[in-house]
Amino acid sequence: MEEKIVVQEKVVLAKPRKSPILAFLLSFLFPFGVGPFYNGEVIKGFVYLVIFAGLVTMQQHGDAQPFAGIVLAAFYIFQIIDSVNVANKINRRALLGGQVEAEEEVVTTEAVTAGSIFWGVLLIALGGILLLGNFEVISYKTILDFWPVVVIVIGGKLIFDYLSKKD
């Protein structure tokens, strides 16, 4: 007598697909974090809200112009592109059955094993300088006069990394 094995299929519900067009429209019309909220990235949405509010507030300072306007425009374009890319990534992940893409694994592994504190120190220093500007210890005009120093430091870091990997 033959035994019949009944295999029950497990139904796995994929994440609901995200529309890149809707993510674009929400980010285009509401540039203060609505795109990341739509994509389910609540913390990123709050961070974008704070960044956008800070950049709009900086528009009132005459010394910060035109740099503050350029940064606001760049952030506006960036958050639109980011929202569309995240919506596409969510859709690709849903098609793969929730598997992490190969590029995500490489980026995550590389970021964890980098071991460099340079970017953290640079961001803390930049934040401290901007905080001193907010408390009017130094003027924004002085900060804007020395912005090329940041580019020089980043270039030096890249050269140092290249030379250390070469050895």
N, C-alpha and C. Protein backbone atom coordinates (compact mmCIF):
# COMPACT_ATOMS: atom_id res chain seq x y z
N MET A 1 0.84 -1.17 0.00
CA MET A 1 0.00 0.00 0.00
C MET A 1 0.89 1.23 0.00
N GLU A 2 0.59 2.19 -0.85
CA GLU A 2 1.40 3.38 -0.96
C GLU A 2 0.95 4.43 0.04
N GLU A 3 1.95 5.04 0.61
CA GLU A 3 1.63 6.14 1.52
C GLU A 3 1.68 7.44 0.74
N LYS A 4 0.71 8.25 0.96
CA LYS A 4 0.69 9.54 0.30
C LYS A 4 1.16 10.59 1.29
N ILE A 5 2.14 11.33 0.85
CA ILE A 5 2.65 12.41 1.68
C ILE A 5 2.05 13.71 1.16
N VAL A 6 1.37 14.36 2.03
CA VAL A 6 0.73 15.62 1.65
C VAL A 6 1.62 16.75 2.15
N VAL A 7 2.05 17.51 1.21
CA VAL A 7 2.90 18.64 1.55
C VAL A 7 2.02 19.89 1.55
N GLN A 8 2.00 20.51 2.70
CA GLN A 8 1.21 21.73 2.78
C GLN A 8 2.08 22.90 2.32
N GLU A 9 1.52 23.68 1.45
CA GLU A 9 2.25 24.83 0.97
C GLU A 9 2.06 25.98 1.94
N LYS A 10 3.15 26.58 2.21
CA LYS A 10 3.13 27.73 3.11
C LYS A 10 3.03 29.00 2.26
N VAL A 11 2.05 29.77 2.54
CA VAL A 11 1.86 31.00 1.79
C VAL A 11 2.61 32.11 2.51
N VAL A 12 3.55 32.68 1.80
CA VAL A 12 4.33 33.78 2.36
C VAL A 12 3.89 35.05 1.65
N LEU A 13 3.42 35.98 2.42
CA LEU A 13 2.99 37.24 1.85
C LEU A 13 4.18 38.15 1.72
N ALA A 14 4.41 38.60 0.51
CA ALA A 14 5.52 39.53 0.28
C ALA A 14 5.11 40.91 0.76
N LYS A 15 6.12 41.72 1.00
CA LYS A 15 5.84 43.10 1.37
C LYS A 15 5.06 43.76 0.25
N PRO A 16 4.15 44.63 0.61
CA PRO A 16 3.43 45.31 -0.47
C PRO A 16 4.39 46.10 -1.33
N ARG A 17 4.17 46.05 -2.63
CA ARG A 17 5.05 46.75 -3.57
C ARG A 17 4.91 48.25 -3.37
N LYS A 18 5.99 48.93 -3.52
CA LYS A 18 6.01 50.38 -3.42
C LYS A 18 6.11 50.98 -4.82
N SER A 19 5.34 51.98 -5.06
CA SER A 19 5.34 52.63 -6.36
C SER A 19 6.44 53.69 -6.41
N PRO A 20 7.42 53.53 -7.29
CA PRO A 20 8.46 54.56 -7.41
C PRO A 20 7.88 55.91 -7.87
N ILE A 21 6.81 55.86 -8.66
CA ILE A 21 6.20 57.10 -9.12
C ILE A 21 5.55 57.83 -7.95
N LEU A 22 4.86 57.09 -7.08
CA LEU A 22 4.26 57.72 -5.91
C LEU A 22 5.33 58.23 -4.95
N ALA A 23 6.41 57.47 -4.81
CA ALA A 23 7.52 57.94 -3.96
C ALA A 23 8.11 59.23 -4.52
N PHE A 24 8.23 59.30 -5.85
CA PHE A 24 8.72 60.53 -6.50
C PHE A 24 7.79 61.69 -6.23
N LEU A 25 6.50 61.48 -6.45
CA LEU A 25 5.54 62.57 -6.27
C LEU A 25 5.48 63.05 -4.82
N LEU A 26 5.48 62.12 -3.88
CA LEU A 26 5.44 62.53 -2.47
C LEU A 26 6.69 63.30 -2.08
N SER A 27 7.84 62.85 -2.55
CA SER A 27 9.09 63.54 -2.23
C SER A 27 9.18 64.88 -2.95
N PHE A 28 8.63 64.95 -4.16
CA PHE A 28 8.67 66.19 -4.92
C PHE A 28 7.75 67.25 -4.30
N LEU A 29 6.56 66.84 -3.89
CA LEU A 29 5.59 67.79 -3.35
C LEU A 29 5.82 68.10 -1.88
N PHE A 30 6.30 67.11 -1.12
CA PHE A 30 6.51 67.28 0.31
C PHE A 30 7.94 66.88 0.66
N PRO A 31 8.90 67.79 0.50
CA PRO A 31 10.31 67.41 0.65
C PRO A 31 10.80 67.32 2.09
N PHE A 32 9.91 67.12 3.02
CA PHE A 32 10.33 67.07 4.42
C PHE A 32 10.14 65.69 5.02
N GLY A 33 10.45 64.65 4.25
CA GLY A 33 10.50 63.30 4.79
C GLY A 33 9.32 62.43 4.47
N VAL A 34 8.39 62.88 3.63
CA VAL A 34 7.21 62.07 3.34
C VAL A 34 7.57 60.85 2.49
N GLY A 35 8.54 60.98 1.58
CA GLY A 35 8.98 59.85 0.77
C GLY A 35 9.49 58.69 1.60
N PRO A 36 10.43 58.93 2.54
CA PRO A 36 10.86 57.83 3.41
C PRO A 36 9.75 57.26 4.28
N PHE A 37 8.81 58.10 4.73
CA PHE A 37 7.68 57.58 5.50
C PHE A 37 6.85 56.63 4.63
N TYR A 38 6.63 56.97 3.36
CA TYR A 38 5.91 56.10 2.45
C TYR A 38 6.63 54.77 2.27
N ASN A 39 7.94 54.81 2.21
CA ASN A 39 8.73 53.59 2.02
C ASN A 39 8.90 52.79 3.31
N GLY A 40 8.38 53.29 4.41
CA GLY A 40 8.47 52.57 5.68
C GLY A 40 9.72 52.87 6.47
N GLU A 41 10.46 53.89 6.10
CA GLU A 41 11.68 54.27 6.81
C GLU A 41 11.38 55.47 7.71
N VAL A 42 10.85 55.17 8.87
CA VAL A 42 10.36 56.22 9.76
C VAL A 42 11.50 57.08 10.30
N ILE A 43 12.58 56.47 10.74
CA ILE A 43 13.70 57.23 11.30
C ILE A 43 14.31 58.13 10.24
N LYS A 44 14.50 57.60 9.03
CA LYS A 44 15.03 58.43 7.95
C LYS A 44 14.09 59.60 7.65
N GLY A 45 12.78 59.35 7.73
CA GLY A 45 11.81 60.42 7.50
C GLY A 45 11.95 61.54 8.52
N PHE A 46 12.14 61.18 9.80
CA PHE A 46 12.33 62.20 10.82
C PHE A 46 13.66 62.95 10.63
N VAL A 47 14.69 62.22 10.24
CA VAL A 47 15.98 62.87 9.99
C VAL A 47 15.86 63.85 8.83
N TYR A 48 15.18 63.45 7.76
CA TYR A 48 14.97 64.35 6.63
C TYR A 48 14.16 65.58 7.05
N LEU A 49 13.18 65.38 7.93
CA LEU A 49 12.39 66.50 8.41
C LEU A 49 13.25 67.51 9.15
N VAL A 50 14.13 67.02 10.02
CA VAL A 50 15.02 67.90 10.78
C VAL A 50 16.01 68.61 9.85
N ILE A 51 16.58 67.87 8.90
CA ILE A 51 17.53 68.47 7.97
C ILE A 51 16.84 69.55 7.14
N PHE A 52 15.66 69.25 6.62
CA PHE A 52 14.95 70.22 5.79
C PHE A 52 14.60 71.47 6.60
N ALA A 53 14.12 71.27 7.83
CA ALA A 53 13.79 72.42 8.67
C ALA A 53 15.03 73.26 8.96
N GLY A 54 16.15 72.62 9.22
CA GLY A 54 17.39 73.35 9.48
C GLY A 54 17.86 74.13 8.27
N LEU A 55 17.76 73.52 7.10
CA LEU A 55 18.19 74.21 5.89
C LEU A 55 17.27 75.38 5.54
N VAL A 56 15.98 75.22 5.77
CA VAL A 56 15.07 76.33 5.52
C VAL A 56 15.33 77.46 6.51
N THR A 57 15.62 77.12 7.75
CA THR A 57 15.93 78.13 8.76
C THR A 57 17.21 78.88 8.40
N MET A 58 18.19 78.17 7.83
CA MET A 58 19.44 78.82 7.44
C MET A 58 19.25 79.84 6.33
N GLN A 59 18.14 79.76 5.60
CA GLN A 59 17.91 80.70 4.50
C GLN A 59 17.74 82.13 5.02
N GLN A 60 17.39 82.28 6.28
CA GLN A 60 17.18 83.61 6.86
C GLN A 60 18.48 84.35 7.12
N HIS A 61 19.57 83.61 7.27
CA HIS A 61 20.85 84.24 7.55
C HIS A 61 21.47 84.72 6.24
N GLY A 62 21.68 86.00 6.13
CA GLY A 62 22.25 86.56 4.91
C GLY A 62 23.67 86.13 4.67
N ASP A 63 24.42 85.86 5.76
CA ASP A 63 25.82 85.45 5.61
C ASP A 63 25.95 84.05 5.02
N ALA A 64 24.91 83.23 5.19
CA ALA A 64 24.98 81.85 4.73
C ALA A 64 24.65 81.71 3.25
N GLN A 65 24.23 82.77 2.62
CA GLN A 65 23.86 82.70 1.20
C GLN A 65 25.08 82.91 0.32
N PRO A 66 25.20 82.38 -0.81
CA PRO A 66 24.30 81.49 -1.54
C PRO A 66 24.51 80.01 -1.20
N PHE A 67 25.48 79.73 -0.31
CA PHE A 67 25.82 78.34 0.02
C PHE A 67 24.62 77.59 0.59
N ALA A 68 23.87 78.21 1.49
CA ALA A 68 22.72 77.55 2.11
C ALA A 68 21.65 77.23 1.08
N GLY A 69 21.45 78.11 0.12
CA GLY A 69 20.47 77.84 -0.93
C GLY A 69 20.88 76.68 -1.81
N ILE A 70 22.16 76.60 -2.12
CA ILE A 70 22.66 75.50 -2.94
C ILE A 70 22.53 74.18 -2.20
N VAL A 71 22.83 74.19 -0.91
CA VAL A 71 22.71 72.96 -0.11
C VAL A 71 21.25 72.54 -0.01
N LEU A 72 20.34 73.49 0.16
CA LEU A 72 18.91 73.17 0.21
C LEU A 72 18.44 72.55 -1.10
N ALA A 73 18.85 73.12 -2.22
CA ALA A 73 18.47 72.58 -3.53
C ALA A 73 19.05 71.17 -3.72
N ALA A 74 20.31 70.97 -3.31
CA ALA A 74 20.93 69.64 -3.44
C ALA A 74 20.21 68.62 -2.57
N PHE A 75 19.83 69.01 -1.35
CA PHE A 75 19.12 68.08 -0.47
C PHE A 75 17.75 67.75 -1.05
N TYR A 76 17.07 68.74 -1.62
CA TYR A 76 15.75 68.53 -2.22
C TYR A 76 15.84 67.48 -3.34
N ILE A 77 16.83 67.62 -4.22
CA ILE A 77 17.00 66.67 -5.32
C ILE A 77 17.42 65.30 -4.78
N PHE A 78 18.33 65.29 -3.79
CA PHE A 78 18.81 64.03 -3.22
C PHE A 78 17.67 63.22 -2.62
N GLN A 79 16.79 63.88 -1.85
CA GLN A 79 15.76 63.11 -1.16
C GLN A 79 14.74 62.55 -2.15
N ILE A 80 14.55 63.21 -3.29
CA ILE A 80 13.67 62.65 -4.32
C ILE A 80 14.29 61.38 -4.91
N ILE A 81 15.56 61.48 -5.29
CA ILE A 81 16.26 60.33 -5.88
C ILE A 81 16.33 59.17 -4.89
N ASP A 82 16.61 59.47 -3.63
CA ASP A 82 16.71 58.43 -2.61
C ASP A 82 15.39 57.71 -2.41
N SER A 83 14.30 58.43 -2.39
CA SER A 83 12.99 57.80 -2.20
C SER A 83 12.63 56.87 -3.35
N VAL A 84 12.92 57.28 -4.57
CA VAL A 84 12.65 56.43 -5.73
C VAL A 84 13.54 55.19 -5.69
N ASN A 85 14.82 55.35 -5.37
CA ASN A 85 15.74 54.20 -5.30
C ASN A 85 15.32 53.21 -4.22
N VAL A 86 14.89 53.70 -3.07
CA VAL A 86 14.47 52.81 -1.99
C VAL A 86 13.20 52.07 -2.39
N ALA A 87 12.27 52.74 -3.06
CA ALA A 87 11.05 52.06 -3.52
C ALA A 87 11.40 50.95 -4.51
N ASN A 88 12.33 51.23 -5.42
CA ASN A 88 12.77 50.19 -6.36
C ASN A 88 13.46 49.04 -5.64
N LYS A 89 14.26 49.34 -4.63
CA LYS A 89 14.95 48.29 -3.88
C LYS A 89 13.95 47.41 -3.13
N ILE A 90 12.92 48.02 -2.56
CA ILE A 90 11.88 47.24 -1.88
C ILE A 90 11.19 46.32 -2.87
N ASN A 91 10.90 46.80 -4.06
CA ASN A 91 10.25 45.97 -5.08
C ASN A 91 11.15 44.83 -5.53
N ARG A 92 12.45 45.10 -5.71
CA ARG A 92 13.38 44.02 -6.09
C ARG A 92 13.46 42.97 -4.99
N ARG A 93 13.48 43.41 -3.76
CA ARG A 93 13.56 42.47 -2.64
C ARG A 93 12.30 41.62 -2.57
N ALA A 94 11.14 42.21 -2.86
CA ALA A 94 9.89 41.45 -2.86
C ALA A 94 9.89 40.40 -3.96
N LEU A 95 10.46 40.74 -5.12
CA LEU A 95 10.53 39.78 -6.22
C LEU A 95 11.47 38.62 -5.89
N LEU A 96 12.52 38.88 -5.12
CA LEU A 96 13.48 37.84 -4.76
C LEU A 96 13.04 37.04 -3.55
N GLY A 97 11.88 37.32 -3.04
CA GLY A 97 11.38 36.58 -1.89
C GLY A 97 11.99 37.03 -0.58
N GLY A 98 12.36 38.27 -0.48
CA GLY A 98 12.90 38.79 0.76
C GLY A 98 14.39 38.60 0.93
N GLN A 99 15.05 38.06 -0.07
CA GLN A 99 16.48 37.85 0.05
C GLN A 99 17.22 39.17 -0.09
N VAL A 100 18.30 39.28 0.62
CA VAL A 100 19.13 40.48 0.53
C VAL A 100 19.93 40.41 -0.75
N GLU A 101 19.97 41.53 -1.45
CA GLU A 101 20.71 41.55 -2.70
C GLU A 101 22.21 41.46 -2.45
N ALA A 102 22.93 41.00 -3.44
CA ALA A 102 24.38 40.82 -3.30
C ALA A 102 25.08 42.13 -3.05
N GLU A 103 24.64 43.22 -3.69
CA GLU A 103 25.31 44.49 -3.50
C GLU A 103 25.13 45.02 -2.08
N GLU A 104 23.99 44.73 -1.47
CA GLU A 104 23.77 45.16 -0.09
C GLU A 104 24.72 44.44 0.86
N GLU A 105 24.94 43.14 0.62
CA GLU A 105 25.84 42.38 1.47
C GLU A 105 27.26 42.93 1.39
N VAL A 106 27.72 43.25 0.19
CA VAL A 106 29.08 43.76 0.01
C VAL A 106 29.24 45.09 0.70
N VAL A 107 28.28 45.99 0.52
CA VAL A 107 28.37 47.32 1.13
C VAL A 107 28.35 47.21 2.64
N THR A 108 27.49 46.36 3.18
CA THR A 108 27.40 46.21 4.62
C THR A 108 28.70 45.65 5.18
N THR A 109 29.23 44.61 4.57
CA THR A 109 30.46 44.01 5.06
C THR A 109 31.62 45.00 4.97
N GLU A 110 31.69 45.72 3.86
CA GLU A 110 32.78 46.67 3.67
C GLU A 110 32.71 47.81 4.68
N ALA A 111 31.51 48.27 4.97
CA ALA A 111 31.36 49.38 5.90
C ALA A 111 31.73 48.96 7.33
N VAL A 112 31.40 47.75 7.69
CA VAL A 112 31.68 47.29 9.05
C VAL A 112 33.17 47.06 9.25
N THR A 113 33.85 46.54 8.25
CA THR A 113 35.25 46.20 8.43
C THR A 113 36.20 47.34 8.09
N ALA A 114 35.68 48.51 7.72
CA ALA A 114 36.55 49.61 7.32
C ALA A 114 37.46 50.03 8.48
N GLY A 115 36.89 50.21 9.66
CA GLY A 115 37.69 50.50 10.83
C GLY A 115 38.24 51.91 10.90
N SER A 116 37.83 52.81 10.04
CA SER A 116 38.33 54.17 10.04
C SER A 116 37.38 55.07 10.82
N ILE A 117 37.97 55.91 11.65
CA ILE A 117 37.15 56.84 12.42
C ILE A 117 37.17 58.23 11.78
N PHE A 118 37.77 58.35 10.61
CA PHE A 118 37.94 59.64 9.96
C PHE A 118 36.61 60.35 9.76
N TRP A 119 35.63 59.65 9.16
CA TRP A 119 34.36 60.31 8.83
C TRP A 119 33.62 60.72 10.08
N GLY A 120 33.67 59.93 11.11
CA GLY A 120 33.02 60.31 12.36
C GLY A 120 33.65 61.55 12.96
N VAL A 121 34.98 61.61 12.98
CA VAL A 121 35.68 62.78 13.52
C VAL A 121 35.39 64.01 12.65
N LEU A 122 35.37 63.84 11.33
CA LEU A 122 35.09 64.96 10.44
C LEU A 122 33.68 65.52 10.67
N LEU A 123 32.69 64.63 10.81
CA LEU A 123 31.33 65.09 11.04
C LEU A 123 31.17 65.75 12.41
N ILE A 124 31.84 65.22 13.42
CA ILE A 124 31.78 65.86 14.75
C ILE A 124 32.41 67.24 14.71
N ALA A 125 33.55 67.36 14.03
CA ALA A 125 34.21 68.67 13.92
C ALA A 125 33.35 69.65 13.14
N LEU A 126 32.76 69.20 12.03
CA LEU A 126 31.88 70.06 11.24
C LEU A 126 30.66 70.49 12.05
N GLY A 127 30.08 69.56 12.78
CA GLY A 127 28.94 69.90 13.65
C GLY A 127 29.33 70.88 14.73
N GLY A 128 30.50 70.71 15.31
CA GLY A 128 30.97 71.65 16.34
C GLY A 128 31.18 73.05 15.78
N ILE A 129 31.75 73.13 14.58
CA ILE A 129 31.96 74.44 13.96
C ILE A 129 30.63 75.11 13.65
N LEU A 130 29.67 74.35 13.12
CA LEU A 130 28.36 74.92 12.84
C LEU A 130 27.63 75.32 14.12
N LEU A 131 27.82 74.55 15.18
CA LEU A 131 27.22 74.91 16.46
C LEU A 131 27.82 76.21 17.00
N LEU A 132 29.12 76.38 16.86
CA LEU A 132 29.74 77.65 17.25
C LEU A 132 29.20 78.81 16.41
N GLY A 133 28.89 78.52 15.16
CA GLY A 133 28.28 79.55 14.32
C GLY A 133 26.87 79.90 14.78
N ASN A 134 26.11 78.89 15.22
CA ASN A 134 24.75 79.16 15.73
C ASN A 134 24.77 80.00 16.99
N PHE A 135 25.75 79.79 17.85
CA PHE A 135 25.86 80.56 19.09
C PHE A 135 26.65 81.86 18.89
N GLU A 136 26.96 82.17 17.63
CA GLU A 136 27.63 83.40 17.24
C GLU A 136 28.99 83.58 17.91
N VAL A 137 29.64 82.45 18.22
CA VAL A 137 31.02 82.51 18.69
C VAL A 137 31.91 82.86 17.51
N ILE A 138 31.62 82.25 16.36
CA ILE A 138 32.25 82.61 15.11
C ILE A 138 31.12 82.90 14.11
N SER A 139 31.40 83.70 13.11
CA SER A 139 30.34 84.05 12.16
C SER A 139 30.29 83.03 11.02
N TYR A 140 29.11 82.92 10.42
CA TYR A 140 28.97 82.03 9.27
C TYR A 140 29.84 82.49 8.12
N LYS A 141 30.09 83.78 8.04
CA LYS A 141 30.97 84.28 6.98
C LYS A 141 32.37 83.69 7.13
N THR A 142 32.86 83.60 8.36
CA THR A 142 34.16 83.00 8.61
C THR A 142 34.15 81.51 8.24
N ILE A 143 33.06 80.83 8.58
CA ILE A 143 32.94 79.40 8.25
C ILE A 143 32.97 79.22 6.75
N LEU A 144 32.22 80.05 6.04
CA LEU A 144 32.16 79.92 4.59
C LEU A 144 33.47 80.29 3.91
N ASP A 145 34.27 81.14 4.56
CA ASP A 145 35.58 81.47 4.00
C ASP A 145 36.53 80.28 4.04
N PHE A 146 36.33 79.37 5.00
CA PHE A 146 37.24 78.25 5.18
C PHE A 146 36.67 76.91 4.71
N TRP A 147 35.58 76.90 3.91
CA TRP A 147 35.01 75.63 3.49
C TRP A 147 35.95 74.81 2.61
N PRO A 148 36.89 75.41 1.88
CA PRO A 148 37.80 74.56 1.09
C PRO A 148 38.69 73.66 1.96
N VAL A 149 38.84 73.98 3.22
CA VAL A 149 39.64 73.14 4.12
C VAL A 149 39.04 71.74 4.20
N VAL A 150 37.71 71.64 4.19
CA VAL A 150 37.05 70.34 4.24
C VAL A 150 37.44 69.51 3.02
N VAL A 151 37.44 70.13 1.85
CA VAL A 151 37.82 69.42 0.62
C VAL A 151 39.28 68.97 0.69
N ILE A 152 40.15 69.82 1.22
CA ILE A 152 41.58 69.46 1.35
C ILE A 152 41.75 68.28 2.30
N VAL A 153 41.02 68.28 3.41
CA VAL A 153 41.13 67.18 4.38
C VAL A 153 40.63 65.88 3.78
N ILE A 154 39.52 65.93 3.06
CA ILE A 154 38.99 64.72 2.43
C ILE A 154 39.97 64.21 1.37
N GLY A 155 40.54 65.10 0.58
CA GLY A 155 41.55 64.69 -0.41
C GLY A 155 42.76 64.05 0.24
N GLY A 156 43.22 64.63 1.35
CA GLY A 156 44.34 64.05 2.08
C GLY A 156 44.02 62.66 2.60
N LYS A 157 42.79 62.47 3.08
CA LYS A 157 42.36 61.16 3.57
C LYS A 157 42.36 60.14 2.44
N LEU A 158 41.86 60.53 1.27
CA LEU A 158 41.84 59.61 0.14
C LEU A 158 43.24 59.22 -0.32
N ILE A 159 44.15 60.18 -0.33
CA ILE A 159 45.54 59.89 -0.70
C ILE A 159 46.17 58.97 0.33
N PHE A 160 45.94 59.24 1.61
CA PHE A 160 46.48 58.39 2.68
C PHE A 160 45.96 56.97 2.56
N ASP A 161 44.65 56.80 2.31
CA ASP A 161 44.08 55.46 2.15
C ASP A 161 44.69 54.73 0.96
N TYR A 162 44.89 55.45 -0.15
CA TYR A 162 45.47 54.84 -1.34
C TYR A 162 46.90 54.36 -1.05
N LEU A 163 47.68 55.21 -0.41
CA LEU A 163 49.08 54.85 -0.13
C LEU A 163 49.17 53.70 0.88
N SER A 164 48.26 53.67 1.86
CA SER A 164 48.33 52.60 2.86
C SER A 164 47.89 51.27 2.25
N LYS A 165 46.94 51.27 1.31
CA LYS A 165 46.54 50.03 0.64
C LYS A 165 47.59 49.54 -0.33
N LYS A 166 48.33 50.46 -0.90
CA LYS A 166 49.38 50.13 -1.86
C LYS A 166 50.52 49.37 -1.17
N ASP A 167 50.81 49.73 0.07
CA ASP A 167 51.89 49.06 0.81
C ASP A 167 51.40 47.75 1.30
